[in-house]
N, C-alpha and C. Protein backbone atom coordinates (compact mmCIF):
# COMPACT_ATOMS: atom_id res chain seq x y z
N MET A 1 37.69 -11.76 -12.26
CA MET A 1 38.40 -12.12 -13.49
C MET A 1 38.77 -10.84 -14.25
N ALA A 2 39.97 -10.76 -14.71
CA ALA A 2 40.45 -9.57 -15.42
C ALA A 2 39.90 -9.55 -16.84
N GLN A 3 39.52 -8.36 -17.27
CA GLN A 3 39.02 -8.16 -18.63
C GLN A 3 40.21 -8.11 -19.58
N ILE A 4 40.06 -8.73 -20.73
CA ILE A 4 41.10 -8.69 -21.76
C ILE A 4 40.66 -7.69 -22.83
N TYR A 5 41.48 -6.69 -23.05
CA TYR A 5 41.17 -5.66 -24.04
C TYR A 5 41.97 -5.94 -25.31
N THR A 6 41.26 -6.10 -26.39
CA THR A 6 41.89 -6.42 -27.67
C THR A 6 42.18 -5.14 -28.45
N ASP A 7 43.00 -5.30 -29.49
CA ASP A 7 43.25 -4.16 -30.39
C ASP A 7 41.94 -3.67 -30.99
N LYS A 8 41.04 -4.59 -31.27
CA LYS A 8 39.75 -4.21 -31.86
C LYS A 8 38.98 -3.28 -30.92
N LEU A 9 38.97 -3.58 -29.63
CA LEU A 9 38.29 -2.70 -28.68
C LEU A 9 39.01 -1.37 -28.55
N LEU A 10 40.32 -1.40 -28.58
CA LEU A 10 41.07 -0.15 -28.51
C LEU A 10 40.78 0.73 -29.74
N LEU A 11 40.68 0.11 -30.90
CA LEU A 11 40.36 0.87 -32.11
C LEU A 11 38.94 1.44 -32.04
N LYS A 12 38.01 0.67 -31.49
CA LYS A 12 36.66 1.18 -31.32
C LYS A 12 36.66 2.38 -30.39
N LEU A 13 37.50 2.35 -29.37
CA LEU A 13 37.63 3.49 -28.47
C LEU A 13 38.16 4.70 -29.23
N ILE A 14 39.17 4.50 -30.03
CA ILE A 14 39.77 5.60 -30.81
C ILE A 14 38.75 6.20 -31.77
N TYR A 15 37.95 5.35 -32.41
CA TYR A 15 36.96 5.83 -33.38
C TYR A 15 35.65 6.27 -32.73
N GLY A 16 35.57 6.19 -31.40
CA GLY A 16 34.37 6.66 -30.70
C GLY A 16 33.17 5.75 -30.91
N GLU A 17 33.39 4.46 -31.03
CA GLU A 17 32.33 3.51 -31.33
C GLU A 17 31.92 2.65 -30.13
N LEU A 18 32.30 3.05 -28.92
CA LEU A 18 31.96 2.27 -27.74
C LEU A 18 30.85 2.96 -26.96
N ASP A 19 30.06 2.15 -26.25
CA ASP A 19 29.08 2.75 -25.36
C ASP A 19 29.81 3.39 -24.19
N LEU A 20 29.14 4.26 -23.49
CA LEU A 20 29.76 5.04 -22.43
C LEU A 20 30.36 4.15 -21.34
N PHE A 21 29.65 3.11 -20.93
CA PHE A 21 30.14 2.24 -19.87
C PHE A 21 31.46 1.59 -20.26
N THR A 22 31.53 1.04 -21.47
CA THR A 22 32.74 0.36 -21.93
C THR A 22 33.89 1.36 -22.08
N LYS A 23 33.58 2.55 -22.57
CA LYS A 23 34.61 3.59 -22.71
C LYS A 23 35.21 3.93 -21.35
N LEU A 24 34.36 4.16 -20.37
CA LEU A 24 34.85 4.50 -19.04
C LEU A 24 35.64 3.35 -18.42
N GLU A 25 35.16 2.14 -18.64
CA GLU A 25 35.85 0.95 -18.13
C GLU A 25 37.26 0.85 -18.72
N MET A 26 37.37 1.08 -20.03
CA MET A 26 38.67 0.99 -20.69
C MET A 26 39.60 2.12 -20.24
N GLU A 27 39.06 3.32 -20.08
CA GLU A 27 39.88 4.43 -19.61
C GLU A 27 40.42 4.15 -18.20
N PHE A 28 39.58 3.58 -17.36
CA PHE A 28 40.03 3.20 -16.02
C PHE A 28 41.12 2.14 -16.11
N ALA A 29 40.92 1.16 -16.98
CA ALA A 29 41.90 0.08 -17.14
C ALA A 29 43.24 0.63 -17.62
N MET A 30 43.21 1.63 -18.50
CA MET A 30 44.46 2.22 -18.99
C MET A 30 45.18 2.99 -17.89
N ASP A 31 44.40 3.56 -16.95
CA ASP A 31 45.02 4.24 -15.81
C ASP A 31 45.76 3.25 -14.91
N GLU A 32 45.26 2.02 -14.88
CA GLU A 32 45.83 0.99 -14.00
C GLU A 32 46.90 0.13 -14.69
N ASP A 33 46.87 0.08 -16.03
CA ASP A 33 47.75 -0.84 -16.77
C ASP A 33 48.56 -0.06 -17.80
N SER A 34 49.83 0.15 -17.51
CA SER A 34 50.68 0.94 -18.40
C SER A 34 50.90 0.25 -19.76
N THR A 35 50.86 -1.07 -19.78
CA THR A 35 51.02 -1.79 -21.05
C THR A 35 49.83 -1.52 -21.97
N LEU A 36 48.64 -1.53 -21.39
CA LEU A 36 47.43 -1.23 -22.17
C LEU A 36 47.46 0.20 -22.67
N LEU A 37 47.90 1.11 -21.83
CA LEU A 37 48.01 2.52 -22.22
C LEU A 37 49.02 2.68 -23.35
N LYS A 38 50.14 1.99 -23.27
CA LYS A 38 51.16 2.06 -24.32
C LYS A 38 50.59 1.52 -25.64
N GLN A 39 49.85 0.42 -25.57
CA GLN A 39 49.24 -0.16 -26.76
C GLN A 39 48.23 0.82 -27.37
N TYR A 40 47.43 1.45 -26.52
CA TYR A 40 46.47 2.46 -26.99
C TYR A 40 47.20 3.62 -27.66
N ASN A 41 48.24 4.12 -27.02
CA ASN A 41 48.98 5.26 -27.57
C ASN A 41 49.61 4.94 -28.92
N GLN A 42 50.09 3.71 -29.09
CA GLN A 42 50.66 3.30 -30.38
C GLN A 42 49.57 3.29 -31.47
N LEU A 43 48.42 2.73 -31.15
CA LEU A 43 47.33 2.70 -32.12
C LEU A 43 46.83 4.11 -32.41
N LYS A 44 46.72 4.94 -31.38
CA LYS A 44 46.25 6.32 -31.56
C LYS A 44 47.22 7.11 -32.40
N SER A 45 48.51 6.88 -32.21
CA SER A 45 49.53 7.56 -33.00
C SER A 45 49.39 7.19 -34.47
N GLY A 46 49.17 5.92 -34.74
CA GLY A 46 48.95 5.48 -36.12
C GLY A 46 47.71 6.09 -36.71
N TYR A 47 46.64 6.13 -35.92
CA TYR A 47 45.38 6.73 -36.37
C TYR A 47 45.58 8.21 -36.71
N ASP A 48 46.32 8.90 -35.86
CA ASP A 48 46.54 10.34 -36.07
C ASP A 48 47.33 10.64 -37.33
N THR A 49 48.13 9.68 -37.80
CA THR A 49 48.92 9.92 -39.02
C THR A 49 48.13 9.62 -40.29
N LEU A 50 46.98 8.95 -40.16
CA LEU A 50 46.17 8.66 -41.34
C LEU A 50 45.60 9.95 -41.91
N PRO A 51 45.52 10.04 -43.24
CA PRO A 51 44.93 11.24 -43.82
C PRO A 51 43.44 11.30 -43.50
N LYS A 52 42.95 12.48 -43.25
CA LYS A 52 41.53 12.67 -42.97
C LYS A 52 40.82 12.90 -44.30
N VAL A 53 40.07 11.92 -44.72
CA VAL A 53 39.38 12.02 -46.00
C VAL A 53 37.88 11.88 -45.78
N THR A 54 37.14 12.50 -46.65
CA THR A 54 35.69 12.35 -46.65
C THR A 54 35.28 12.00 -48.07
N PHE A 55 34.27 11.21 -48.17
CA PHE A 55 33.79 10.80 -49.47
C PHE A 55 32.39 11.34 -49.67
N SER A 56 32.17 11.90 -50.83
CA SER A 56 30.85 12.42 -51.18
C SER A 56 30.50 11.91 -52.57
N PRO A 57 29.43 11.11 -52.66
CA PRO A 57 29.04 10.63 -53.98
C PRO A 57 28.46 11.77 -54.82
N LYS A 58 28.53 11.60 -56.11
CA LYS A 58 27.95 12.59 -57.01
C LYS A 58 26.44 12.63 -56.80
N LYS A 59 25.85 13.80 -57.06
CA LYS A 59 24.39 13.93 -56.92
C LYS A 59 23.66 12.96 -57.82
N SER A 60 24.23 12.68 -58.99
CA SER A 60 23.58 11.76 -59.92
C SER A 60 23.53 10.34 -59.35
N VAL A 61 24.54 9.95 -58.63
CA VAL A 61 24.56 8.62 -58.01
C VAL A 61 23.50 8.53 -56.91
N ILE A 62 23.41 9.58 -56.10
CA ILE A 62 22.38 9.60 -55.06
C ILE A 62 20.99 9.53 -55.68
N GLN A 63 20.80 10.28 -56.75
CA GLN A 63 19.49 10.28 -57.41
C GLN A 63 19.17 8.91 -57.98
N GLN A 64 20.16 8.23 -58.55
CA GLN A 64 19.93 6.89 -59.08
C GLN A 64 19.55 5.92 -57.96
N LEU A 65 20.17 6.03 -56.83
CA LEU A 65 19.83 5.18 -55.69
C LEU A 65 18.41 5.47 -55.21
N LEU A 66 18.05 6.74 -55.13
CA LEU A 66 16.70 7.10 -54.71
C LEU A 66 15.66 6.61 -55.71
N ASP A 67 15.95 6.76 -56.98
CA ASP A 67 15.03 6.28 -58.02
C ASP A 67 14.85 4.78 -57.92
N TYR A 68 15.94 4.08 -57.73
CA TYR A 68 15.87 2.61 -57.61
C TYR A 68 15.06 2.21 -56.37
N ALA A 69 15.28 2.92 -55.26
CA ALA A 69 14.57 2.59 -54.02
C ALA A 69 13.08 2.84 -54.15
N ASN A 70 12.69 3.80 -54.99
CA ASN A 70 11.28 4.13 -55.14
C ASN A 70 10.60 3.37 -56.28
N THR A 71 11.34 2.50 -56.96
CA THR A 71 10.76 1.72 -58.04
C THR A 71 9.92 0.60 -57.44
N PRO A 72 8.63 0.51 -57.85
CA PRO A 72 7.80 -0.58 -57.32
C PRO A 72 8.29 -1.93 -57.83
N ASP A 73 8.12 -2.95 -57.01
CA ASP A 73 8.53 -4.31 -57.41
C ASP A 73 7.71 -4.75 -58.62
N ALA A 74 8.36 -5.43 -59.55
CA ALA A 74 7.69 -5.87 -60.78
C ALA A 74 6.97 -7.17 -60.56
């Protein structure tokens, strides 16, 4: 039975969120299926155009979270 690869799985591949076996399986499938490869390339192209942003909370926010986590239950 042929495996069906969804956009969700392709996005997980792009974001590096797949286990090694699934990643290799999908790469092999793309070698065999030009439609799947085209779909991957379209999603990858869109991903590459997204701005690369990182978020860093303020130190005060981190400290508030740590203080809350260390507060004993009442």
